[in-house]
Amino acid sequence: MSGRRLTLLLPVLATLLAACATPPAAPGQGQGQMTIDSVAAGQSLAGTHCVVASGGKRWEVTTPVALPVALLEGDVRVVCDRPGFHRAEVLYRPGAAARPRVGVGIGGGSGNVGVGVGMGMPIGAPASAYPPYLAVQMTPR
């Protein structure tokens, strides 16, 4: 392969590899959003007042609501109130797979000793840490 062809082919290969490393969006997750809804007996209860708290921030919302996951940090707590229903609460904790990890290793062989440090970052975080839909189950009084 000539040097000119290789020079033209390298940017194309780099673009294709970058596209392969980009995770697909989760089904139903439009632009990295999490939809919060209140439900009873399998039906949506539109218009329910809820308080969403995450990472020291707090939002008063009316369901259904779509929150950008970029606003969320760590656990998400949702408390909903609606006349005729008991107060309901949901606490969602993102899994450990969504958190960065650091590891240290020591290895040896043939008289050589090596020390390595590695850091793992989840692909697609933080969007992949949160579900696209979170339902708060309401119980009638």
N, C-alpha and C. Protein backbone atom coordinates (compact mmCIF):
# COMPACT_ATOMS: atom_id res chain seq x y z
N MET A 1 0.86 -1.17 0.00
CA MET A 1 0.00 0.00 0.00
C MET A 1 0.90 1.23 0.00
N SER A 2 0.60 2.18 -0.87
CA SER A 2 1.45 3.37 -0.96
C SER A 2 1.22 4.28 0.24
N GLY A 3 2.18 5.16 0.50
CA GLY A 3 2.10 6.09 1.63
C GLY A 3 0.91 7.03 1.50
N ARG A 4 0.59 7.44 0.26
CA ARG A 4 -0.54 8.36 0.05
C ARG A 4 -1.86 7.69 0.42
N ARG A 5 -2.03 6.44 -0.02
CA ARG A 5 -3.28 5.72 0.29
C ARG A 5 -3.41 5.52 1.80
N LEU A 6 -2.31 5.19 2.46
CA LEU A 6 -2.33 5.00 3.91
C LEU A 6 -2.70 6.30 4.62
N THR A 7 -2.17 7.42 4.14
CA THR A 7 -2.47 8.72 4.73
C THR A 7 -3.97 9.05 4.59
N LEU A 8 -4.57 8.68 3.48
CA LEU A 8 -5.99 8.93 3.27
C LEU A 8 -6.86 7.94 4.06
N LEU A 9 -6.35 6.74 4.27
CA LEU A 9 -7.12 5.70 4.94
C LEU A 9 -7.13 5.87 6.47
N LEU A 10 -6.09 6.43 7.06
CA LEU A 10 -6.01 6.57 8.51
C LEU A 10 -7.14 7.39 9.11
N PRO A 11 -7.51 8.56 8.58
CA PRO A 11 -8.65 9.30 9.18
C PRO A 11 -9.97 8.53 9.09
N VAL A 12 -10.15 7.78 8.02
CA VAL A 12 -11.38 7.00 7.86
C VAL A 12 -11.42 5.89 8.92
N LEU A 13 -10.31 5.19 9.10
CA LEU A 13 -10.26 4.14 10.12
C LEU A 13 -10.46 4.70 11.52
N ALA A 14 -9.87 5.85 11.82
CA ALA A 14 -10.04 6.47 13.13
C ALA A 14 -11.50 6.82 13.38
N THR A 15 -12.18 7.33 12.37
CA THR A 15 -13.60 7.67 12.51
C THR A 15 -14.45 6.43 12.75
N LEU A 16 -14.15 5.35 12.02
CA LEU A 16 -14.91 4.11 12.20
C LEU A 16 -14.69 3.52 13.58
N LEU A 17 -13.46 3.55 14.08
CA LEU A 17 -13.19 3.04 15.41
C LEU A 17 -13.87 3.88 16.48
N ALA A 18 -13.90 5.20 16.32
CA ALA A 18 -14.58 6.07 17.28
C ALA A 18 -16.07 5.76 17.29
N ALA A 19 -16.65 5.50 16.13
CA ALA A 19 -18.08 5.18 16.06
C ALA A 19 -18.37 3.86 16.77
N CYS A 20 -17.45 2.90 16.68
CA CYS A 20 -17.65 1.62 17.36
C CYS A 20 -17.59 1.78 18.88
N ALA A 21 -16.82 2.73 19.37
CA ALA A 21 -16.66 2.92 20.80
C ALA A 21 -17.79 3.72 21.42
N THR A 22 -18.63 4.33 20.61
CA THR A 22 -19.74 5.12 21.12
C THR A 22 -20.90 4.20 21.47
N PRO A 23 -21.35 4.18 22.73
CA PRO A 23 -22.43 3.27 23.11
C PRO A 23 -23.76 3.73 22.53
N PRO A 24 -24.63 2.78 22.20
CA PRO A 24 -25.95 3.17 21.70
C PRO A 24 -26.80 3.71 22.84
N ALA A 25 -27.74 4.57 22.50
CA ALA A 25 -28.66 5.11 23.51
C ALA A 25 -29.59 4.00 23.98
N ALA A 26 -29.95 4.05 25.23
CA ALA A 26 -30.88 3.06 25.78
C ALA A 26 -32.25 3.25 25.14
N PRO A 27 -32.99 2.16 24.92
CA PRO A 27 -34.32 2.30 24.34
C PRO A 27 -35.20 3.21 25.18
N GLY A 28 -35.84 4.16 24.53
CA GLY A 28 -36.75 5.07 25.22
C GLY A 28 -36.06 6.20 25.93
N GLN A 29 -34.73 6.27 25.85
CA GLN A 29 -34.01 7.32 26.55
C GLN A 29 -33.68 8.42 25.55
N GLY A 30 -34.56 9.40 25.44
CA GLY A 30 -34.37 10.48 24.49
C GLY A 30 -33.42 11.53 25.03
N GLN A 31 -32.29 11.69 24.38
CA GLN A 31 -31.33 12.72 24.72
C GLN A 31 -30.88 12.68 26.18
N GLY A 32 -30.70 11.49 26.74
CA GLY A 32 -30.20 11.37 28.10
C GLY A 32 -31.18 11.87 29.15
N GLN A 33 -32.43 11.49 29.04
CA GLN A 33 -33.45 11.93 29.99
C GLN A 33 -34.00 10.75 30.77
N MET A 34 -34.45 11.03 31.98
CA MET A 34 -35.16 10.03 32.77
C MET A 34 -36.57 10.57 33.01
N THR A 35 -37.58 9.82 32.58
CA THR A 35 -38.97 10.21 32.78
C THR A 35 -39.45 9.66 34.11
N ILE A 36 -40.01 10.53 34.93
CA ILE A 36 -40.57 10.14 36.22
C ILE A 36 -42.08 10.27 36.13
N ASP A 37 -42.79 9.20 36.52
CA ASP A 37 -44.25 9.20 36.43
C ASP A 37 -44.82 8.58 37.70
N SER A 38 -46.03 8.97 38.04
CA SER A 38 -46.76 8.36 39.15
C SER A 38 -47.83 7.46 38.55
N VAL A 39 -47.98 6.26 39.13
CA VAL A 39 -48.92 5.29 38.58
C VAL A 39 -49.73 4.63 39.70
N ALA A 40 -50.94 4.21 39.36
CA ALA A 40 -51.81 3.43 40.26
C ALA A 40 -52.57 2.45 39.40
N ALA A 41 -52.58 1.19 39.82
CA ALA A 41 -53.27 0.13 39.08
C ALA A 41 -52.86 0.10 37.61
N GLY A 42 -51.59 0.34 37.35
CA GLY A 42 -51.07 0.27 35.99
C GLY A 42 -51.39 1.48 35.12
N GLN A 43 -52.04 2.49 35.67
CA GLN A 43 -52.41 3.68 34.90
C GLN A 43 -51.62 4.89 35.39
N SER A 44 -51.22 5.74 34.46
CA SER A 44 -50.50 6.97 34.81
C SER A 44 -51.43 7.93 35.53
N LEU A 45 -50.91 8.58 36.57
CA LEU A 45 -51.67 9.59 37.31
C LEU A 45 -51.05 10.96 37.00
N ALA A 46 -51.34 11.46 35.83
CA ALA A 46 -50.80 12.77 35.43
C ALA A 46 -51.25 13.84 36.40
N GLY A 47 -50.35 14.77 36.71
CA GLY A 47 -50.70 15.88 37.58
C GLY A 47 -50.35 15.68 39.04
N THR A 48 -49.64 14.60 39.37
CA THR A 48 -49.23 14.35 40.75
C THR A 48 -48.04 15.23 41.11
N HIS A 49 -48.09 15.85 42.29
CA HIS A 49 -47.00 16.71 42.77
C HIS A 49 -45.91 15.83 43.37
N CYS A 50 -44.67 16.02 42.92
CA CYS A 50 -43.54 15.23 43.44
C CYS A 50 -42.35 16.14 43.70
N VAL A 51 -41.51 15.70 44.61
CA VAL A 51 -40.23 16.36 44.88
C VAL A 51 -39.14 15.37 44.52
N VAL A 52 -38.22 15.80 43.65
CA VAL A 52 -37.10 14.97 43.21
C VAL A 52 -35.84 15.56 43.82
N ALA A 53 -35.04 14.71 44.48
CA ALA A 53 -33.79 15.17 45.10
C ALA A 53 -32.65 14.27 44.63
N SER A 54 -31.52 14.91 44.29
CA SER A 54 -30.34 14.18 43.85
C SER A 54 -29.11 15.05 44.01
N GLY A 55 -28.11 14.53 44.68
CA GLY A 55 -26.85 15.25 44.80
C GLY A 55 -26.96 16.60 45.47
N GLY A 56 -27.84 16.73 46.45
CA GLY A 56 -28.01 18.01 47.15
C GLY A 56 -28.90 19.00 46.43
N LYS A 57 -29.38 18.64 45.25
CA LYS A 57 -30.30 19.50 44.50
C LYS A 57 -31.72 18.98 44.70
N ARG A 58 -32.70 19.87 44.48
CA ARG A 58 -34.09 19.50 44.70
C ARG A 58 -34.98 20.21 43.68
N TRP A 59 -35.92 19.46 43.11
CA TRP A 59 -36.86 20.03 42.13
C TRP A 59 -38.28 19.64 42.51
N GLU A 60 -39.20 20.59 42.46
CA GLU A 60 -40.63 20.30 42.62
C GLU A 60 -41.19 20.17 41.22
N VAL A 61 -41.82 19.02 40.95
CA VAL A 61 -42.29 18.72 39.60
C VAL A 61 -43.71 18.19 39.64
N THR A 62 -44.34 18.15 38.48
CA THR A 62 -45.65 17.55 38.29
C THR A 62 -45.48 16.43 37.27
N THR A 63 -45.96 15.23 37.60
CA THR A 63 -45.77 14.09 36.71
C THR A 63 -46.75 14.11 35.55
N PRO A 64 -46.35 13.50 34.44
CA PRO A 64 -45.03 12.95 34.14
C PRO A 64 -44.05 14.08 33.81
N VAL A 65 -42.77 13.84 34.12
CA VAL A 65 -41.74 14.84 33.87
C VAL A 65 -40.48 14.13 33.36
N ALA A 66 -39.79 14.76 32.43
CA ALA A 66 -38.53 14.22 31.91
C ALA A 66 -37.40 15.11 32.41
N LEU A 67 -36.49 14.52 33.19
CA LEU A 67 -35.35 15.27 33.71
C LEU A 67 -34.09 14.87 32.95
N PRO A 68 -33.27 15.84 32.54
CA PRO A 68 -31.99 15.48 31.92
C PRO A 68 -31.10 14.79 32.95
N VAL A 69 -30.51 13.66 32.60
CA VAL A 69 -29.68 12.93 33.55
C VAL A 69 -28.42 13.72 33.91
N ALA A 70 -28.07 14.71 33.12
CA ALA A 70 -26.91 15.55 33.45
C ALA A 70 -27.14 16.31 34.75
N LEU A 71 -28.40 16.52 35.15
CA LEU A 71 -28.71 17.21 36.40
C LEU A 71 -28.57 16.30 37.61
N LEU A 72 -28.60 14.99 37.39
CA LEU A 72 -28.62 14.03 38.49
C LEU A 72 -27.21 13.65 38.91
N GLU A 73 -27.03 13.52 40.24
CA GLU A 73 -25.74 13.11 40.80
C GLU A 73 -26.00 12.09 41.90
N GLY A 74 -25.64 10.85 41.68
CA GLY A 74 -25.81 9.83 42.71
C GLY A 74 -27.26 9.37 42.83
N ASP A 75 -27.65 9.11 44.08
CA ASP A 75 -29.00 8.60 44.35
C ASP A 75 -30.07 9.61 43.93
N VAL A 76 -31.21 9.06 43.50
CA VAL A 76 -32.37 9.89 43.15
C VAL A 76 -33.51 9.49 44.08
N ARG A 77 -34.03 10.46 44.82
CA ARG A 77 -35.16 10.22 45.74
C ARG A 77 -36.35 11.00 45.21
N VAL A 78 -37.48 10.30 45.05
CA VAL A 78 -38.71 10.92 44.55
C VAL A 78 -39.80 10.68 45.59
N VAL A 79 -40.42 11.76 46.06
CA VAL A 79 -41.54 11.68 47.00
C VAL A 79 -42.74 12.35 46.34
N CYS A 80 -43.86 11.61 46.25
CA CYS A 80 -45.04 12.12 45.57
C CYS A 80 -46.25 12.19 46.51
N ASP A 81 -47.04 13.25 46.36
CA ASP A 81 -48.28 13.46 47.11
C ASP A 81 -49.40 13.74 46.13
N ARG A 82 -50.56 13.13 46.39
CA ARG A 82 -51.75 13.36 45.57
C ARG A 82 -52.98 13.14 46.46
N PRO A 83 -53.96 14.06 46.39
CA PRO A 83 -55.18 13.87 47.18
C PRO A 83 -55.83 12.52 46.87
N GLY A 84 -56.27 11.82 47.94
CA GLY A 84 -56.91 10.52 47.78
C GLY A 84 -55.94 9.35 47.74
N PHE A 85 -54.62 9.63 47.84
CA PHE A 85 -53.60 8.59 47.79
C PHE A 85 -52.63 8.79 48.95
N HIS A 86 -52.02 7.68 49.38
CA HIS A 86 -50.97 7.76 50.40
C HIS A 86 -49.72 8.36 49.76
N ARG A 87 -48.93 9.03 50.58
CA ARG A 87 -47.64 9.55 50.10
C ARG A 87 -46.78 8.35 49.66
N ALA A 88 -46.09 8.50 48.54
CA ALA A 88 -45.26 7.42 48.01
C ALA A 88 -43.84 7.92 47.78
N GLU A 89 -42.89 7.02 47.97
CA GLU A 89 -41.49 7.39 47.83
C GLU A 89 -40.72 6.29 47.10
N VAL A 90 -39.79 6.73 46.24
CA VAL A 90 -38.90 5.80 45.54
C VAL A 90 -37.48 6.32 45.71
N LEU A 91 -36.55 5.42 46.01
CA LEU A 91 -35.14 5.75 46.09
C LEU A 91 -34.42 4.89 45.07
N TYR A 92 -33.80 5.54 44.07
CA TYR A 92 -33.05 4.81 43.05
C TYR A 92 -31.56 5.05 43.28
N ARG A 93 -30.81 3.97 43.39
CA ARG A 93 -29.36 4.05 43.57
C ARG A 93 -28.68 3.47 42.34
N PRO A 94 -27.92 4.31 41.63
CA PRO A 94 -27.20 3.79 40.46
C PRO A 94 -26.26 2.66 40.88
N GLY A 95 -26.12 1.65 40.04
CA GLY A 95 -25.27 0.50 40.35
C GLY A 95 -23.79 0.84 40.38
N ALA A 96 -23.02 -0.06 40.95
CA ALA A 96 -21.57 0.12 41.05
C ALA A 96 -20.93 0.16 39.67
N ALA A 97 -21.58 -0.43 38.67
CA ALA A 97 -21.00 -0.43 37.32
C ALA A 97 -20.92 0.98 36.76
N ALA A 98 -21.68 1.91 37.30
CA ALA A 98 -21.69 3.27 36.79
C ALA A 98 -20.61 4.14 37.43
N ARG A 99 -19.90 3.60 38.41
CA ARG A 99 -18.90 4.40 39.12
C ARG A 99 -17.50 4.09 38.63
N PRO A 100 -16.62 5.11 38.56
CA PRO A 100 -15.23 4.85 38.18
C PRO A 100 -14.54 3.97 39.22
N ARG A 101 -13.57 3.18 38.75
CA ARG A 101 -12.83 2.29 39.65
C ARG A 101 -11.34 2.47 39.41
N VAL A 102 -10.55 2.33 40.46
CA VAL A 102 -9.10 2.39 40.37
C VAL A 102 -8.56 1.10 40.95
N GLY A 103 -7.57 0.51 40.28
CA GLY A 103 -6.97 -0.72 40.78
C GLY A 103 -5.45 -0.65 40.72
N VAL A 104 -4.79 -1.36 41.63
CA VAL A 104 -3.33 -1.43 41.67
C VAL A 104 -2.94 -2.89 41.60
N GLY A 105 -1.91 -3.18 40.81
CA GLY A 105 -1.47 -4.56 40.69
C GLY A 105 0.04 -4.66 40.73
N ILE A 106 0.52 -5.78 41.24
CA ILE A 106 1.95 -6.06 41.27
C ILE A 106 2.14 -7.42 40.62
N GLY A 107 3.11 -7.50 39.73
CA GLY A 107 3.36 -8.75 39.04
C GLY A 107 4.85 -9.00 38.92
N GLY A 108 5.19 -10.26 38.71
CA GLY A 108 6.60 -10.59 38.55
C GLY A 108 6.76 -11.85 37.74
N GLY A 109 7.95 -12.00 37.23
CA GLY A 109 8.26 -13.19 36.44
C GLY A 109 9.63 -13.04 35.84
N SER A 110 10.40 -14.13 35.80
CA SER A 110 11.75 -14.14 35.24
C SER A 110 12.65 -13.12 35.91
N GLY A 111 12.46 -12.90 37.21
CA GLY A 111 13.32 -11.98 37.93
C GLY A 111 12.94 -10.52 37.81
N ASN A 112 11.89 -10.22 37.06
CA ASN A 112 11.45 -8.83 36.90
C ASN A 112 10.19 -8.60 37.73
N VAL A 113 10.08 -7.43 38.30
CA VAL A 113 8.91 -7.06 39.08
C VAL A 113 8.33 -5.80 38.46
N GLY A 114 7.03 -5.78 38.30
CA GLY A 114 6.37 -4.60 37.74
C GLY A 114 5.20 -4.18 38.60
N VAL A 115 4.95 -2.90 38.60
CA VAL A 115 3.82 -2.35 39.32
C VAL A 115 2.97 -1.58 38.31
N GLY A 116 1.66 -1.78 38.38
CA GLY A 116 0.78 -1.08 37.46
C GLY A 116 -0.40 -0.47 38.17
N VAL A 117 -0.87 0.62 37.64
CA VAL A 117 -2.06 1.28 38.17
C VAL A 117 -3.02 1.43 37.00
N GLY A 118 -4.27 1.06 37.22
CA GLY A 118 -5.26 1.19 36.16
C GLY A 118 -6.51 1.87 36.66
N MET A 119 -7.20 2.54 35.76
CA MET A 119 -8.45 3.20 36.11
C MET A 119 -9.50 2.80 35.09
N GLY A 120 -10.65 2.37 35.59
CA GLY A 120 -11.74 1.98 34.71
C GLY A 120 -12.84 3.02 34.74
N MET A 121 -13.28 3.48 33.57
CA MET A 121 -14.38 4.43 33.47
C MET A 121 -15.49 3.78 32.66
N PRO A 122 -16.71 3.83 33.14
CA PRO A 122 -17.82 3.23 32.39
C PRO A 122 -18.10 4.02 31.12
N ILE A 123 -18.37 3.31 30.05
CA ILE A 123 -18.70 3.97 28.79
C ILE A 123 -20.15 4.43 28.85
N GLY A 124 -20.38 5.66 28.50
CA GLY A 124 -21.75 6.17 28.46
C GLY A 124 -22.23 6.76 29.77
N ALA A 125 -21.41 6.81 30.79
CA ALA A 125 -21.84 7.41 32.06
C ALA A 125 -21.90 8.91 31.89
N PRO A 126 -22.80 9.63 32.51
CA PRO A 126 -23.71 9.17 33.51
C PRO A 126 -25.04 8.67 32.98
N ALA A 127 -25.29 8.84 31.69
CA ALA A 127 -26.60 8.48 31.18
C ALA A 127 -26.94 7.02 31.43
N SER A 128 -25.96 6.13 31.32
CA SER A 128 -26.24 4.72 31.50
C SER A 128 -26.50 4.35 32.95
N ALA A 129 -26.20 5.26 33.88
CA ALA A 129 -26.39 4.98 35.30
C ALA A 129 -27.85 5.07 35.72
N TYR A 130 -28.68 5.70 34.92
CA TYR A 130 -30.08 5.94 35.28
C TYR A 130 -31.01 5.30 34.26
N PRO A 131 -32.14 4.77 34.73
CA PRO A 131 -33.09 4.16 33.79
C PRO A 131 -33.81 5.25 33.01
N PRO A 132 -34.34 4.90 31.84
CA PRO A 132 -35.08 5.90 31.06
C PRO A 132 -36.44 6.22 31.66
N TYR A 133 -36.97 5.34 32.55
CA TYR A 133 -38.30 5.53 33.13
C TYR A 133 -38.30 5.09 34.58
N LEU A 134 -38.84 5.93 35.45
CA LEU A 134 -38.95 5.61 36.87
C LEU A 134 -40.39 5.85 37.30
N ALA A 135 -41.05 4.79 37.77
CA ALA A 135 -42.46 4.88 38.17
C ALA A 135 -42.57 4.90 39.68
N VAL A 136 -43.40 5.81 40.19
CA VAL A 136 -43.69 5.89 41.62
C VAL A 136 -45.09 5.31 41.79
N GLN A 137 -45.17 4.19 42.51
CA GLN A 137 -46.44 3.49 42.69
C GLN A 137 -47.27 4.17 43.78
N MET A 138 -48.45 4.66 43.43
CA MET A 138 -49.34 5.35 44.37
C MET A 138 -50.43 4.36 44.84
N THR A 139 -50.76 4.40 46.13
CA THR A 139 -51.79 3.52 46.70
C THR A 139 -52.97 4.37 47.17
N PRO A 140 -54.20 4.05 46.72
CA PRO A 140 -55.36 4.82 47.17
C PRO A 140 -55.58 4.67 48.67
N ARG A 141 -56.18 5.70 49.30
CA ARG A 141 -56.50 5.65 50.74
C ARG A 141 -57.71 4.79 50.98
